[in-house]
Amino acid sequence: MTTVVKNPHNNQEVFDFVVNALRKQGCQSTTGDGCLYRGPNNTRCAAGHLIPDEDYKPGWEAQSLYFGLPIIDSMSPIGKYLHNQGYCTHLVFDLQKVHDNLWEHREEEWQKVATNYGLNYTPPSVS
């Protein structure tokens, strides 16, 4: 099992951790009816990789990080949890969008996310 980044020092650490965890996982966390923070075969979505098992709440499933526009006042309980852990919820939200809606183009989309946040994108190594 991967180690969760607790109270990250910076967005680069979070980006690298989530992207590498999703690359290793190799698939979306879904049952086909939508993406899940915790899915079949121990899969996780982008945000799910940042939530330790002891903090995870099944009631968070089917909740976005935000109820409306991505601003603090519209955060869902999962969004507030991640915010209180020190994560940039805007970055996590954008990584979620790639996982949930743009999986087929994930590397290209992760590169765009990195550029938008001034982060470094490292392509996957070819074995």
N, C-alpha and C. Protein backbone atom coordinates (compact mmCIF):
# COMPACT_ATOMS: atom_id res chain seq x y z
N MET A 1 0.84 -1.19 0.00
CA MET A 1 0.00 0.00 0.00
C MET A 1 0.88 1.24 0.00
N THR A 2 0.42 2.27 -0.71
CA THR A 2 1.19 3.50 -0.79
C THR A 2 1.04 4.31 0.50
N THR A 3 2.05 5.09 0.77
CA THR A 3 2.02 5.95 1.95
C THR A 3 1.33 7.25 1.61
N VAL A 4 0.43 7.69 2.43
CA VAL A 4 -0.29 8.93 2.20
C VAL A 4 0.59 10.11 2.58
N VAL A 5 0.58 11.12 1.74
CA VAL A 5 1.30 12.34 2.03
C VAL A 5 0.48 13.14 3.03
N LYS A 6 0.95 13.23 4.26
CA LYS A 6 0.24 13.99 5.30
C LYS A 6 0.78 15.41 5.34
N ASN A 7 -0.12 16.38 5.35
CA ASN A 7 0.25 17.78 5.42
C ASN A 7 1.45 18.09 4.53
N PRO A 8 1.21 18.02 3.23
CA PRO A 8 2.31 18.19 2.27
C PRO A 8 2.97 19.56 2.38
N HIS A 9 4.24 19.57 2.04
CA HIS A 9 4.97 20.83 2.07
C HIS A 9 4.65 21.69 0.86
N ASN A 10 4.29 21.04 -0.23
CA ASN A 10 4.02 21.83 -1.42
C ASN A 10 3.17 21.04 -2.43
N ASN A 11 2.66 21.77 -3.40
CA ASN A 11 1.80 21.17 -4.41
C ASN A 11 2.55 20.17 -5.28
N GLN A 12 3.85 20.37 -5.47
CA GLN A 12 4.62 19.43 -6.29
C GLN A 12 4.60 18.04 -5.67
N GLU A 13 4.75 17.97 -4.36
CA GLU A 13 4.70 16.67 -3.68
C GLU A 13 3.35 15.98 -3.88
N VAL A 14 2.28 16.74 -3.75
CA VAL A 14 0.94 16.19 -3.91
C VAL A 14 0.74 15.73 -5.35
N PHE A 15 1.09 16.57 -6.31
CA PHE A 15 0.95 16.22 -7.72
C PHE A 15 1.71 14.93 -8.03
N ASP A 16 2.98 14.89 -7.65
CA ASP A 16 3.80 13.70 -7.94
C ASP A 16 3.22 12.45 -7.27
N PHE A 17 2.81 12.59 -6.02
CA PHE A 17 2.27 11.45 -5.29
C PHE A 17 1.01 10.90 -5.97
N VAL A 18 0.06 11.79 -6.28
CA VAL A 18 -1.20 11.35 -6.87
C VAL A 18 -0.98 10.78 -8.27
N VAL A 19 -0.23 11.47 -9.09
CA VAL A 19 0.01 10.98 -10.46
C VAL A 19 0.71 9.63 -10.42
N ASN A 20 1.72 9.48 -9.59
CA ASN A 20 2.43 8.20 -9.52
C ASN A 20 1.54 7.09 -8.96
N ALA A 21 0.70 7.41 -7.99
CA ALA A 21 -0.21 6.41 -7.44
C ALA A 21 -1.22 5.96 -8.49
N LEU A 22 -1.75 6.90 -9.27
CA LEU A 22 -2.71 6.54 -10.32
C LEU A 22 -2.04 5.78 -11.46
N ARG A 23 -0.81 6.16 -11.80
CA ARG A 23 -0.07 5.40 -12.82
C ARG A 23 0.13 3.96 -12.37
N LYS A 24 0.55 3.79 -11.13
CA LYS A 24 0.77 2.44 -10.60
C LYS A 24 -0.53 1.64 -10.58
N GLN A 25 -1.61 2.30 -10.18
CA GLN A 25 -2.93 1.65 -10.14
C GLN A 25 -3.37 1.24 -11.55
N GLY A 26 -3.14 2.12 -12.52
CA GLY A 26 -3.39 1.80 -13.91
C GLY A 26 -4.84 1.83 -14.38
N CYS A 27 -5.74 2.23 -13.52
CA CYS A 27 -7.16 2.28 -13.91
C CYS A 27 -7.89 3.25 -13.02
N GLN A 28 -9.11 3.59 -13.44
CA GLN A 28 -9.96 4.44 -12.62
C GLN A 28 -10.52 3.64 -11.45
N SER A 29 -10.93 4.34 -10.45
CA SER A 29 -11.63 3.75 -9.32
C SER A 29 -13.12 3.95 -9.58
N THR A 30 -13.76 2.92 -10.11
CA THR A 30 -15.16 3.05 -10.50
C THR A 30 -15.84 1.69 -10.54
N THR A 31 -17.15 1.74 -10.44
CA THR A 31 -17.95 0.54 -10.64
C THR A 31 -18.66 0.62 -11.98
N GLY A 32 -18.41 1.67 -12.73
CA GLY A 32 -19.09 1.91 -13.98
C GLY A 32 -20.20 2.93 -13.85
N ASP A 33 -20.64 3.18 -12.63
CA ASP A 33 -21.71 4.16 -12.38
C ASP A 33 -21.15 5.49 -11.90
N GLY A 34 -19.87 5.63 -11.91
CA GLY A 34 -19.23 6.86 -11.44
C GLY A 34 -17.96 6.51 -10.68
N CYS A 35 -17.14 7.51 -10.51
CA CYS A 35 -15.86 7.29 -9.84
C CYS A 35 -16.05 7.28 -8.33
N LEU A 36 -15.14 6.55 -7.67
CA LEU A 36 -15.24 6.33 -6.23
C LEU A 36 -13.93 6.70 -5.54
N TYR A 37 -14.05 7.24 -4.32
CA TYR A 37 -12.85 7.49 -3.52
C TYR A 37 -12.20 6.16 -3.17
N ARG A 38 -13.02 5.16 -2.88
CA ARG A 38 -12.56 3.79 -2.63
C ARG A 38 -13.38 2.88 -3.54
N GLY A 39 -12.69 2.19 -4.43
CA GLY A 39 -13.39 1.34 -5.38
C GLY A 39 -12.99 -0.12 -5.26
N PRO A 40 -13.45 -0.93 -6.23
CA PRO A 40 -13.15 -2.35 -6.23
C PRO A 40 -11.64 -2.61 -6.30
N ASN A 41 -11.22 -3.71 -5.73
CA ASN A 41 -9.82 -4.14 -5.77
C ASN A 41 -8.86 -3.10 -5.21
N ASN A 42 -9.30 -2.40 -4.16
CA ASN A 42 -8.48 -1.40 -3.47
C ASN A 42 -8.07 -0.23 -4.37
N THR A 43 -8.88 0.07 -5.40
CA THR A 43 -8.60 1.23 -6.23
C THR A 43 -9.04 2.49 -5.51
N ARG A 44 -8.44 3.60 -5.91
CA ARG A 44 -8.76 4.90 -5.33
C ARG A 44 -8.72 5.95 -6.43
N CYS A 45 -9.50 6.99 -6.23
CA CYS A 45 -9.45 8.12 -7.17
C CYS A 45 -8.29 9.03 -6.75
N ALA A 46 -8.15 10.14 -7.45
CA ALA A 46 -7.05 11.07 -7.14
C ALA A 46 -7.10 11.53 -5.68
N ALA A 47 -8.26 11.99 -5.24
CA ALA A 47 -8.39 12.44 -3.85
C ALA A 47 -8.31 11.26 -2.89
N GLY A 48 -8.83 10.13 -3.29
CA GLY A 48 -8.83 8.94 -2.44
C GLY A 48 -7.44 8.50 -2.02
N HIS A 49 -6.45 8.76 -2.87
CA HIS A 49 -5.08 8.40 -2.52
C HIS A 49 -4.52 9.28 -1.41
N LEU A 50 -5.17 10.40 -1.13
CA LEU A 50 -4.70 11.31 -0.08
C LEU A 50 -5.40 11.09 1.26
N ILE A 51 -6.33 10.15 1.30
CA ILE A 51 -7.12 9.92 2.51
C ILE A 51 -6.68 8.62 3.18
N PRO A 52 -6.11 8.69 4.38
CA PRO A 52 -5.75 7.46 5.08
C PRO A 52 -7.01 6.64 5.39
N ASP A 53 -6.85 5.34 5.43
CA ASP A 53 -7.99 4.45 5.68
C ASP A 53 -8.73 4.82 6.96
N GLU A 54 -7.99 5.20 8.00
CA GLU A 54 -8.65 5.50 9.28
C GLU A 54 -9.48 6.78 9.23
N ASP A 55 -9.27 7.64 8.23
CA ASP A 55 -10.03 8.87 8.12
C ASP A 55 -11.16 8.79 7.09
N TYR A 56 -11.13 7.77 6.25
CA TYR A 56 -12.12 7.63 5.17
C TYR A 56 -13.52 7.41 5.72
N LYS A 57 -14.50 8.08 5.10
CA LYS A 57 -15.91 7.93 5.48
C LYS A 57 -16.71 7.52 4.25
N PRO A 58 -17.37 6.35 4.28
CA PRO A 58 -18.16 5.91 3.13
C PRO A 58 -19.19 6.94 2.67
N GLY A 59 -19.67 7.79 3.56
CA GLY A 59 -20.64 8.82 3.20
C GLY A 59 -20.09 9.85 2.23
N TRP A 60 -18.76 9.89 2.06
CA TRP A 60 -18.16 10.81 1.11
C TRP A 60 -18.36 10.38 -0.34
N GLU A 61 -18.64 9.11 -0.55
CA GLU A 61 -18.84 8.63 -1.92
C GLU A 61 -19.95 9.42 -2.59
N ALA A 62 -19.81 9.64 -3.86
CA ALA A 62 -20.77 10.39 -4.68
C ALA A 62 -20.78 11.88 -4.36
N GLN A 63 -19.83 12.35 -3.55
CA GLN A 63 -19.69 13.78 -3.28
C GLN A 63 -18.49 14.31 -4.04
N SER A 64 -18.66 15.45 -4.65
CA SER A 64 -17.53 16.16 -5.23
C SER A 64 -16.82 16.90 -4.09
N LEU A 65 -15.67 17.46 -4.37
CA LEU A 65 -15.00 18.26 -3.34
C LEU A 65 -15.76 19.55 -3.07
N TYR A 66 -16.52 19.99 -4.06
CA TYR A 66 -17.28 21.23 -3.94
C TYR A 66 -18.73 20.97 -4.32
N PHE A 67 -19.65 21.68 -3.68
CA PHE A 67 -21.06 21.59 -4.03
C PHE A 67 -21.40 22.49 -5.21
N GLY A 68 -20.63 23.52 -5.42
CA GLY A 68 -20.85 24.46 -6.51
C GLY A 68 -19.53 24.84 -7.12
N LEU A 69 -19.31 26.13 -7.27
CA LEU A 69 -18.03 26.60 -7.77
C LEU A 69 -16.92 26.20 -6.80
N PRO A 70 -15.71 25.95 -7.32
CA PRO A 70 -14.62 25.53 -6.42
C PRO A 70 -14.09 26.67 -5.56
N ILE A 71 -14.88 27.03 -4.54
CA ILE A 71 -14.46 28.03 -3.56
C ILE A 71 -14.69 27.46 -2.16
N ILE A 72 -13.98 27.99 -1.19
CA ILE A 72 -14.04 27.47 0.18
C ILE A 72 -15.47 27.37 0.70
N ASP A 73 -16.30 28.37 0.43
CA ASP A 73 -17.66 28.38 0.96
C ASP A 73 -18.55 27.26 0.42
N SER A 74 -18.14 26.65 -0.69
CA SER A 74 -18.98 25.60 -1.26
C SER A 74 -18.37 24.21 -1.08
N MET A 75 -17.41 24.07 -0.17
CA MET A 75 -16.76 22.77 0.04
C MET A 75 -17.71 21.76 0.67
N SER A 76 -17.63 20.55 0.16
CA SER A 76 -18.34 19.42 0.76
C SER A 76 -17.55 18.94 1.97
N PRO A 77 -18.08 18.00 2.73
CA PRO A 77 -17.30 17.47 3.86
C PRO A 77 -15.94 16.89 3.43
N ILE A 78 -15.87 16.21 2.30
CA ILE A 78 -14.58 15.68 1.83
C ILE A 78 -13.64 16.82 1.45
N GLY A 79 -14.19 17.86 0.83
CA GLY A 79 -13.37 19.03 0.49
C GLY A 79 -12.83 19.72 1.73
N LYS A 80 -13.68 19.86 2.74
CA LYS A 80 -13.24 20.48 4.00
C LYS A 80 -12.17 19.63 4.68
N TYR A 81 -12.36 18.31 4.63
CA TYR A 81 -11.36 17.41 5.23
C TYR A 81 -10.00 17.64 4.57
N LEU A 82 -9.96 17.61 3.24
CA LEU A 82 -8.68 17.78 2.53
C LEU A 82 -8.09 19.15 2.78
N HIS A 83 -8.92 20.18 2.79
CA HIS A 83 -8.46 21.54 3.08
C HIS A 83 -7.83 21.59 4.48
N ASN A 84 -8.50 21.00 5.45
CA ASN A 84 -7.99 21.00 6.83
C ASN A 84 -6.72 20.18 7.00
N GLN A 85 -6.46 19.26 6.07
CA GLN A 85 -5.22 18.48 6.10
C GLN A 85 -4.06 19.25 5.46
N GLY A 86 -4.35 20.40 4.87
CA GLY A 86 -3.31 21.23 4.28
C GLY A 86 -3.17 21.10 2.78
N TYR A 87 -4.09 20.40 2.14
CA TYR A 87 -4.02 20.23 0.69
C TYR A 87 -4.63 21.42 -0.03
N CYS A 88 -4.09 21.76 -1.18
CA CYS A 88 -4.68 22.75 -2.07
C CYS A 88 -5.85 22.05 -2.77
N THR A 89 -7.06 22.35 -2.34
CA THR A 89 -8.21 21.63 -2.88
C THR A 89 -8.45 21.95 -4.36
N HIS A 90 -7.99 23.09 -4.82
CA HIS A 90 -8.12 23.39 -6.25
C HIS A 90 -7.28 22.40 -7.06
N LEU A 91 -6.06 22.14 -6.61
CA LEU A 91 -5.20 21.17 -7.29
C LEU A 91 -5.82 19.78 -7.22
N VAL A 92 -6.27 19.37 -6.06
CA VAL A 92 -6.88 18.04 -5.91
C VAL A 92 -8.11 17.93 -6.80
N PHE A 93 -8.91 18.99 -6.86
CA PHE A 93 -10.10 19.03 -7.70
C PHE A 93 -9.72 18.82 -9.17
N ASP A 94 -8.66 19.50 -9.62
CA ASP A 94 -8.23 19.36 -11.01
C ASP A 94 -7.69 17.96 -11.29
N LEU A 95 -7.00 17.37 -10.33
CA LEU A 95 -6.54 15.98 -10.49
C LEU A 95 -7.73 15.02 -10.52
N GLN A 96 -8.77 15.33 -9.73
CA GLN A 96 -10.01 14.54 -9.74
C GLN A 96 -10.66 14.58 -11.13
N LYS A 97 -10.71 15.77 -11.73
CA LYS A 97 -11.33 15.91 -13.05
C LYS A 97 -10.63 15.03 -14.07
N VAL A 98 -9.30 14.97 -14.00
CA VAL A 98 -8.56 14.10 -14.93
C VAL A 98 -8.95 12.65 -14.67
N HIS A 99 -8.95 12.23 -13.41
CA HIS A 99 -9.31 10.84 -13.07
C HIS A 99 -10.73 10.52 -13.50
N ASP A 100 -11.67 11.41 -13.21
CA ASP A 100 -13.09 11.13 -13.43
C ASP A 100 -13.52 11.25 -14.89
N ASN A 101 -13.01 12.28 -15.59
CA ASN A 101 -13.56 12.61 -16.90
C ASN A 101 -12.59 12.54 -18.07
N LEU A 102 -11.31 12.54 -17.81
CA LEU A 102 -10.33 12.65 -18.89
C LEU A 102 -9.30 11.52 -18.85
N TRP A 103 -9.66 10.40 -18.29
CA TRP A 103 -8.73 9.30 -18.07
C TRP A 103 -8.03 8.86 -19.35
N GLU A 104 -8.75 8.85 -20.45
CA GLU A 104 -8.17 8.39 -21.73
C GLU A 104 -7.00 9.27 -22.15
N HIS A 105 -6.97 10.51 -21.70
CA HIS A 105 -5.92 11.47 -22.08
C HIS A 105 -5.15 11.94 -20.86
N ARG A 106 -5.04 11.09 -19.85
CA ARG A 106 -4.51 11.50 -18.55
C ARG A 106 -3.12 12.11 -18.59
N GLU A 107 -2.20 11.55 -19.34
CA GLU A 107 -0.84 12.11 -19.33
C GLU A 107 -0.83 13.54 -19.88
N GLU A 108 -1.52 13.74 -20.97
CA GLU A 108 -1.63 15.08 -21.55
C GLU A 108 -2.33 16.04 -20.57
N GLU A 109 -3.36 15.56 -19.92
CA GLU A 109 -4.11 16.40 -18.98
C GLU A 109 -3.30 16.67 -17.71
N TRP A 110 -2.56 15.68 -17.22
CA TRP A 110 -1.70 15.91 -16.05
C TRP A 110 -0.64 16.95 -16.38
N GLN A 111 -0.14 16.92 -17.61
CA GLN A 111 0.84 17.92 -18.02
C GLN A 111 0.21 19.31 -17.99
N LYS A 112 -1.05 19.43 -18.43
CA LYS A 112 -1.75 20.72 -18.39
C LYS A 112 -1.94 21.19 -16.95
N VAL A 113 -2.32 20.26 -16.06
CA VAL A 113 -2.50 20.62 -14.65
C VAL A 113 -1.17 21.13 -14.09
N ALA A 114 -0.09 20.43 -14.37
CA ALA A 114 1.22 20.85 -13.89
C ALA A 114 1.54 22.26 -14.37
N THR A 115 1.33 22.51 -15.65
CA THR A 115 1.59 23.84 -16.21
C THR A 115 0.75 24.90 -15.52
N ASN A 116 -0.54 24.62 -15.31
CA ASN A 116 -1.44 25.59 -14.67
C ASN A 116 -1.01 25.96 -13.26
N TYR A 117 -0.35 25.03 -12.56
CA TYR A 117 0.06 25.28 -11.17
C TYR A 117 1.56 25.58 -11.05
N GLY A 118 2.24 25.69 -12.18
CA GLY A 118 3.67 25.97 -12.15
C GLY A 118 4.48 24.80 -11.60
N LEU A 119 4.00 23.58 -11.86
CA LEU A 119 4.66 22.38 -11.35
C LEU A 119 5.42 21.67 -12.47
N ASN A 120 6.30 20.77 -12.08
CA ASN A 120 7.03 19.96 -13.04
C ASN A 120 6.25 18.70 -13.35
N TYR A 121 6.12 18.39 -14.63
CA TYR A 121 5.50 17.16 -15.08
C TYR A 121 6.60 16.25 -15.59
N THR A 122 6.64 15.04 -15.09
CA THR A 122 7.61 14.05 -15.55
C THR A 122 6.85 12.93 -16.25
N PRO A 123 7.10 12.73 -17.55
CA PRO A 123 6.41 11.65 -18.26
C PRO A 123 6.73 10.30 -17.62
N PRO A 124 5.85 9.33 -17.82
CA PRO A 124 6.12 8.01 -17.26
C PRO A 124 7.35 7.40 -17.91
N SER A 125 8.09 6.63 -17.14
CA SER A 125 9.27 5.98 -17.71
C SER A 125 8.81 4.80 -18.56
N VAL A 126 9.50 4.59 -19.64
CA VAL A 126 9.18 3.51 -20.56
C VAL A 126 10.02 2.31 -20.17
N SER A 127 9.35 1.20 -19.92
CA SER A 127 10.08 -0.01 -19.51
C SER A 127 10.41 -0.88 -20.69
